[in-house]
Amino acid sequence: MTYHRLIQIEFNHCDPAGIVFYPRYFEMTNSVVENFFADVLHCSFARMMEDRAGVPTARIEVNFHAPSRLGEKLDFTLQITRIGTSSVGFRITAAAGGIDRLTADLTLVNVDCNGQSQPWHSAVRARMIAFSQEQDQ
């Protein structure tokens, strides 16, 4: 199974030429991750904040393939590439009109309120594993 999220390119995403200003892609990928945690893992960022925990991005590598323009709808996909004791790897892609726009590889780490890594809650880890197994079929 692959997680999908459509994001329409808005004026606030663009530079004066009407193409996405590249730092906005980082906000969009974070939105995809945040919604994945809420929709699939049933662990919203709001709940993590209440629990005094979080999942900061420890590593991100992005390849930009083609520009995106105001008004386009990007289909973002997320797949799990690795599940660690306290970290997870994601591959996020975005495309529109059959043209790849970006590929991002991310590593997120589950941390407590002091920024120390901590193991995934067993239910969250189980949902990650189930999602990962479904995407491999």
C-alpha atoms as a PDB file:
ATOM      1  CA  MET A   1       0.000   0.000   0.000  1.00  0.00           C
ATOM      2  CA  THR A   2       1.156   3.513  -0.744  1.00  0.00           C
ATOM      3  CA  TYR A   3      -0.116   6.569   1.104  1.00  0.00           C
ATOM      4  CA  HIS A   4      -1.371   9.365  -1.182  1.00  0.00           C
ATOM      5  CA  ARG A   5      -2.053  13.029  -0.520  1.00  0.00           C
ATOM      6  CA  LEU A   6      -3.042  15.617  -3.124  1.00  0.00           C
ATOM      7  CA  ILE A   7      -1.730  19.132  -2.572  1.00  0.00           C
ATOM      8  CA  GLN A   8      -2.750  21.984  -4.830  1.00  0.00           C
ATOM      9  CA  ILE A   9      -0.046  24.537  -5.529  1.00  0.00           C
ATOM     10  CA  GLU A  10      -1.182  27.866  -4.138  1.00  0.00           C
ATOM     11  CA  PHE A  11       0.123  31.394  -4.576  1.00  0.00           C
ATOM     12  CA  ASN A  12       1.884  31.217  -1.187  1.00  0.00           C
ATOM     13  CA  HIS A  13       3.974  28.266  -2.460  1.00  0.00           C
ATOM     14  CA  CYS A  14       5.329  30.186  -5.449  1.00  0.00           C
ATOM     15  CA  ASP A  15       8.042  32.660  -6.309  1.00  0.00           C
ATOM     16  CA  PRO A  16       7.344  35.658  -8.594  1.00  0.00           C
ATOM     17  CA  ALA A  17       7.758  33.425 -11.667  1.00  0.00           C
ATOM     18  CA  GLY A  18       4.800  31.290 -10.527  1.00  0.00           C
ATOM     19  CA  ILE A  19       6.822  28.152  -9.782  1.00  0.00           C
ATOM     20  CA  VAL A  20       7.170  26.494  -6.398  1.00  0.00           C
ATOM     21  CA  PHE A  21       9.910  28.052  -4.295  1.00  0.00           C
ATOM     22  CA  TYR A  22      11.903  24.949  -3.320  1.00  0.00           C
ATOM     23  CA  PRO A  23      11.731  25.403   0.506  1.00  0.00           C
ATOM     24  CA  ARG A  24       7.940  25.080   0.211  1.00  0.00           C
ATOM     25  CA  TYR A  25       8.418  21.475  -0.904  1.00  0.00           C
ATOM     26  CA  PHE A  26       9.851  20.747   2.542  1.00  0.00           C
ATOM     27  CA  GLU A  27       6.656  22.092   4.106  1.00  0.00           C
ATOM     28  CA  MET A  28       4.602  19.941   1.740  1.00  0.00           C
ATOM     29  CA  THR A  29       6.587  16.779   2.515  1.00  0.00           C
ATOM     30  CA  ASN A  30       6.148  17.510   6.225  1.00  0.00           C
ATOM     31  CA  SER A  31       2.395  17.848   5.639  1.00  0.00           C
ATOM     32  CA  VAL A  32       2.372  14.432   3.959  1.00  0.00           C
ATOM     33  CA  VAL A  33       4.249  12.908   6.916  1.00  0.00           C
ATOM     34  CA  GLU A  34       1.994  14.611   9.471  1.00  0.00           C
ATOM     35  CA  ASN A  35      -1.151  13.371   7.744  1.00  0.00           C
ATOM     36  CA  PHE A  36       0.305   9.865   7.359  1.00  0.00           C
ATOM     37  CA  PHE A  37       0.928   9.708  11.107  1.00  0.00           C
ATOM     38  CA  ALA A  38      -2.662  10.805  11.803  1.00  0.00           C
ATOM     39  CA  ASP A  39      -4.444   8.800   9.082  1.00  0.00           C
ATOM     40  CA  VAL A  40      -2.479   5.542   9.063  1.00  0.00           C
ATOM     41  CA  LEU A  41      -0.594   5.323  12.356  1.00  0.00           C
ATOM     42  CA  HIS A  42      -3.394   6.935  14.426  1.00  0.00           C
ATOM     43  CA  CYS A  43      -0.790   9.064  16.161  1.00  0.00           C
ATOM     44  CA  SER A  44      -1.333  12.735  15.348  1.00  0.00           C
ATOM     45  CA  PHE A  45       1.335  15.354  15.857  1.00  0.00           C
ATOM     46  CA  ALA A  46      -1.104  17.076  18.265  1.00  0.00           C
ATOM     47  CA  ARG A  47      -1.237  13.930  20.384  1.00  0.00           C
ATOM     48  CA  MET A  48       2.554  13.649  20.310  1.00  0.00           C
ATOM     49  CA  MET A  49       2.788  17.237  21.571  1.00  0.00           C
ATOM     50  CA  GLU A  50       0.388  16.381  24.415  1.00  0.00           C
ATOM     51  CA  ASP A  51       2.583  13.372  25.221  1.00  0.00           C
ATOM     52  CA  ARG A  52       5.667  15.642  25.110  1.00  0.00           C
ATOM     53  CA  ALA A  53       7.182  13.722  22.228  1.00  0.00           C
ATOM     54  CA  GLY A  54       7.867  14.317  18.560  1.00  0.00           C
ATOM     55  CA  VAL A  55       9.338  12.983  15.337  1.00  0.00           C
ATOM     56  CA  PRO A  56      11.839  15.497  13.974  1.00  0.00           C
ATOM     57  CA  THR A  57      13.455  14.915  10.616  1.00  0.00           C
ATOM     58  CA  ALA A  58      17.040  13.789  11.171  1.00  0.00           C
ATOM     59  CA  ARG A  59      17.929  13.472   7.486  1.00  0.00           C
ATOM     60  CA  ILE A  60      16.393  14.512   4.197  1.00  0.00           C
ATOM     61  CA  GLU A  61      17.708  14.167   0.664  1.00  0.00           C
ATOM     62  CA  VAL A  62      15.677  15.593  -2.196  1.00  0.00           C
ATOM     63  CA  ASN A  63      16.023  15.371  -5.953  1.00  0.00           C
ATOM     64  CA  PHE A  64      14.026  17.950  -7.894  1.00  0.00           C
ATOM     65  CA  HIS A  65      13.016  16.623 -11.309  1.00  0.00           C
ATOM     66  CA  ALA A  66      10.806  19.355 -12.791  1.00  0.00           C
ATOM     67  CA  PRO A  67       9.204  22.615 -11.653  1.00  0.00           C
ATOM     68  CA  SER A  68       5.653  22.801 -10.339  1.00  0.00           C
ATOM     69  CA  ARG A  69       3.392  25.723 -11.162  1.00  0.00           C
ATOM     70  CA  LEU A  70       0.609  27.665  -9.522  1.00  0.00           C
ATOM     71  CA  GLY A  71      -2.710  25.804  -9.738  1.00  0.00           C
ATOM     72  CA  GLU A  72      -1.274  22.338 -10.343  1.00  0.00           C
ATOM     73  CA  LYS A  73      -2.279  19.466  -8.088  1.00  0.00           C
ATOM     74  CA  LEU A  74       0.639  17.352  -6.934  1.00  0.00           C
ATOM     75  CA  ASP A  75       0.059  13.712  -6.043  1.00  0.00           C
ATOM     76  CA  PHE A  76       2.390  12.991  -3.148  1.00  0.00           C
ATOM     77  CA  THR A  77       3.061   9.359  -2.285  1.00  0.00           C
ATOM     78  CA  LEU A  78       4.736   7.992   0.830  1.00  0.00           C
ATOM     79  CA  GLN A  79       6.310   4.592   1.330  1.00  0.00           C
ATOM     80  CA  ILE A  80       8.163   3.244   4.338  1.00  0.00           C
ATOM     81  CA  THR A  81      11.728   2.248   3.454  1.00  0.00           C
ATOM     82  CA  ARG A  82      12.998   1.259   6.896  1.00  0.00           C
ATOM     83  CA  ILE A  83      11.662   0.774  10.419  1.00  0.00           C
ATOM     84  CA  GLY A  84      14.157   1.081  13.255  1.00  0.00           C
ATOM     85  CA  THR A  85      13.796   0.869  17.010  1.00  0.00           C
ATOM     86  CA  SER A  86      13.278   4.626  17.286  1.00  0.00           C
ATOM     87  CA  SER A  87      13.456   5.819  13.676  1.00  0.00           C
ATOM     88  CA  VAL A  88      11.658   5.372  10.380  1.00  0.00           C
ATOM     89  CA  GLY A  89      12.687   5.944   6.775  1.00  0.00           C
ATOM     90  CA  PHE A  90      10.284   7.289   4.174  1.00  0.00           C
ATOM     91  CA  ARG A  91      10.428   7.805   0.432  1.00  0.00           C
ATOM     92  CA  ILE A  92       8.118  10.561  -0.719  1.00  0.00           C
ATOM     93  CA  THR A  93       7.487  11.322  -4.368  1.00  0.00           C
ATOM     94  CA  ALA A  94       5.417  14.038  -6.001  1.00  0.00           C
ATOM     95  CA  ALA A  95       4.081  14.072  -9.544  1.00  0.00           C
ATOM     96  CA  ALA A  96       1.571  15.981 -11.635  1.00  0.00           C
ATOM     97  CA  GLY A  97       0.397  15.374 -15.169  1.00  0.00           C
ATOM     98  CA  GLY A  98       2.481  12.205 -15.351  1.00  0.00           C
ATOM     99  CA  ILE A  99       5.683  14.149 -14.666  1.00  0.00           C
ATOM    100  CA  ASP A 100       7.774  13.457 -11.583  1.00  0.00           C
ATOM    101  CA  ARG A 101       8.503  16.631  -9.653  1.00  0.00           C
ATOM    102  CA  LEU A 102      10.526  15.424  -6.687  1.00  0.00           C
ATOM    103  CA  THR A 103      11.790  12.401  -4.813  1.00  0.00           C
ATOM    104  CA  ALA A 104      12.661  12.757  -1.128  1.00  0.00           C
ATOM    105  CA  ASP A 105      14.247  10.258   1.233  1.00  0.00           C
ATOM    106  CA  LEU A 106      13.713  11.088   4.901  1.00  0.00           C
ATOM    107  CA  THR A 107      14.651   9.671   8.275  1.00  0.00           C
ATOM    108  CA  LEU A 108      12.546  10.663  11.271  1.00  0.00           C
ATOM    109  CA  VAL A 109      13.447   9.893  14.873  1.00  0.00           C
ATOM    110  CA  ASN A 110      10.982   9.381  17.715  1.00  0.00           C
ATOM    111  CA  VAL A 111      12.137  11.624  20.585  1.00  0.00           C
ATOM    112  CA  ASP A 112      11.008  12.609  24.059  1.00  0.00           C
ATOM    113  CA  CYS A 113      10.627  16.204  25.270  1.00  0.00           C
ATOM    114  CA  ASN A 114      14.387  16.389  25.933  1.00  0.00           C
ATOM    115  CA  GLY A 115      15.253  15.424  22.373  1.00  0.00           C
ATOM    116  CA  GLN A 116      16.421  11.939  23.340  1.00  0.00           C
ATOM    117  CA  SER A 117      15.474   9.100  21.023  1.00  0.00           C
ATOM    118  CA  GLN A 118      12.968   6.634  22.386  1.00  0.00           C
ATOM    119  CA  PRO A 119      11.505   3.392  21.031  1.00  0.00           C
ATOM    120  CA  TRP A 120       8.270   3.533  19.076  1.00  0.00           C
ATOM    121  CA  HIS A 121       5.112   2.798  21.023  1.00  0.00           C
ATOM    122  CA  SER A 122       4.239  -0.833  20.269  1.00  0.00           C
ATOM    123  CA  ALA A 123       0.920   0.052  18.583  1.00  0.00           C
ATOM    124  CA  VAL A 124       2.567   2.652  16.315  1.00  0.00           C
ATOM    125  CA  ARG A 125       5.350   0.251  15.396  1.00  0.00           C
ATOM    126  CA  ALA A 126       2.812  -2.506  14.648  1.00  0.00           C
ATOM    127  CA  ARG A 127       0.897  -0.167  12.308  1.00  0.00           C
ATOM    128  CA  MET A 128       4.150   0.790  10.559  1.00  0.00           C
ATOM    129  CA  ILE A 129       4.989  -2.869  10.028  1.00  0.00           C
ATOM    130  CA  ALA A 130       1.482  -3.667   8.749  1.00  0.00           C
ATOM    131  CA  PHE A 131       1.583  -0.722   6.322  1.00  0.00           C
ATOM    132  CA  SER A 132       5.057  -1.699   5.134  1.00  0.00           C
ATOM    133  CA  GLN A 133       3.975  -5.292   4.521  1.00  0.00           C
ATOM    134  CA  GLU A 134       0.905  -4.143   2.565  1.00  0.00           C
ATOM    135  CA  GLN A 135       3.029  -1.858   0.365  1.00  0.00           C
ATOM    136  CA  ASP A 136       5.333  -4.779  -0.484  1.00  0.00           C
ATOM    137  CA  GLN A 137       2.490  -6.916  -1.847  1.00  0.00           C
END
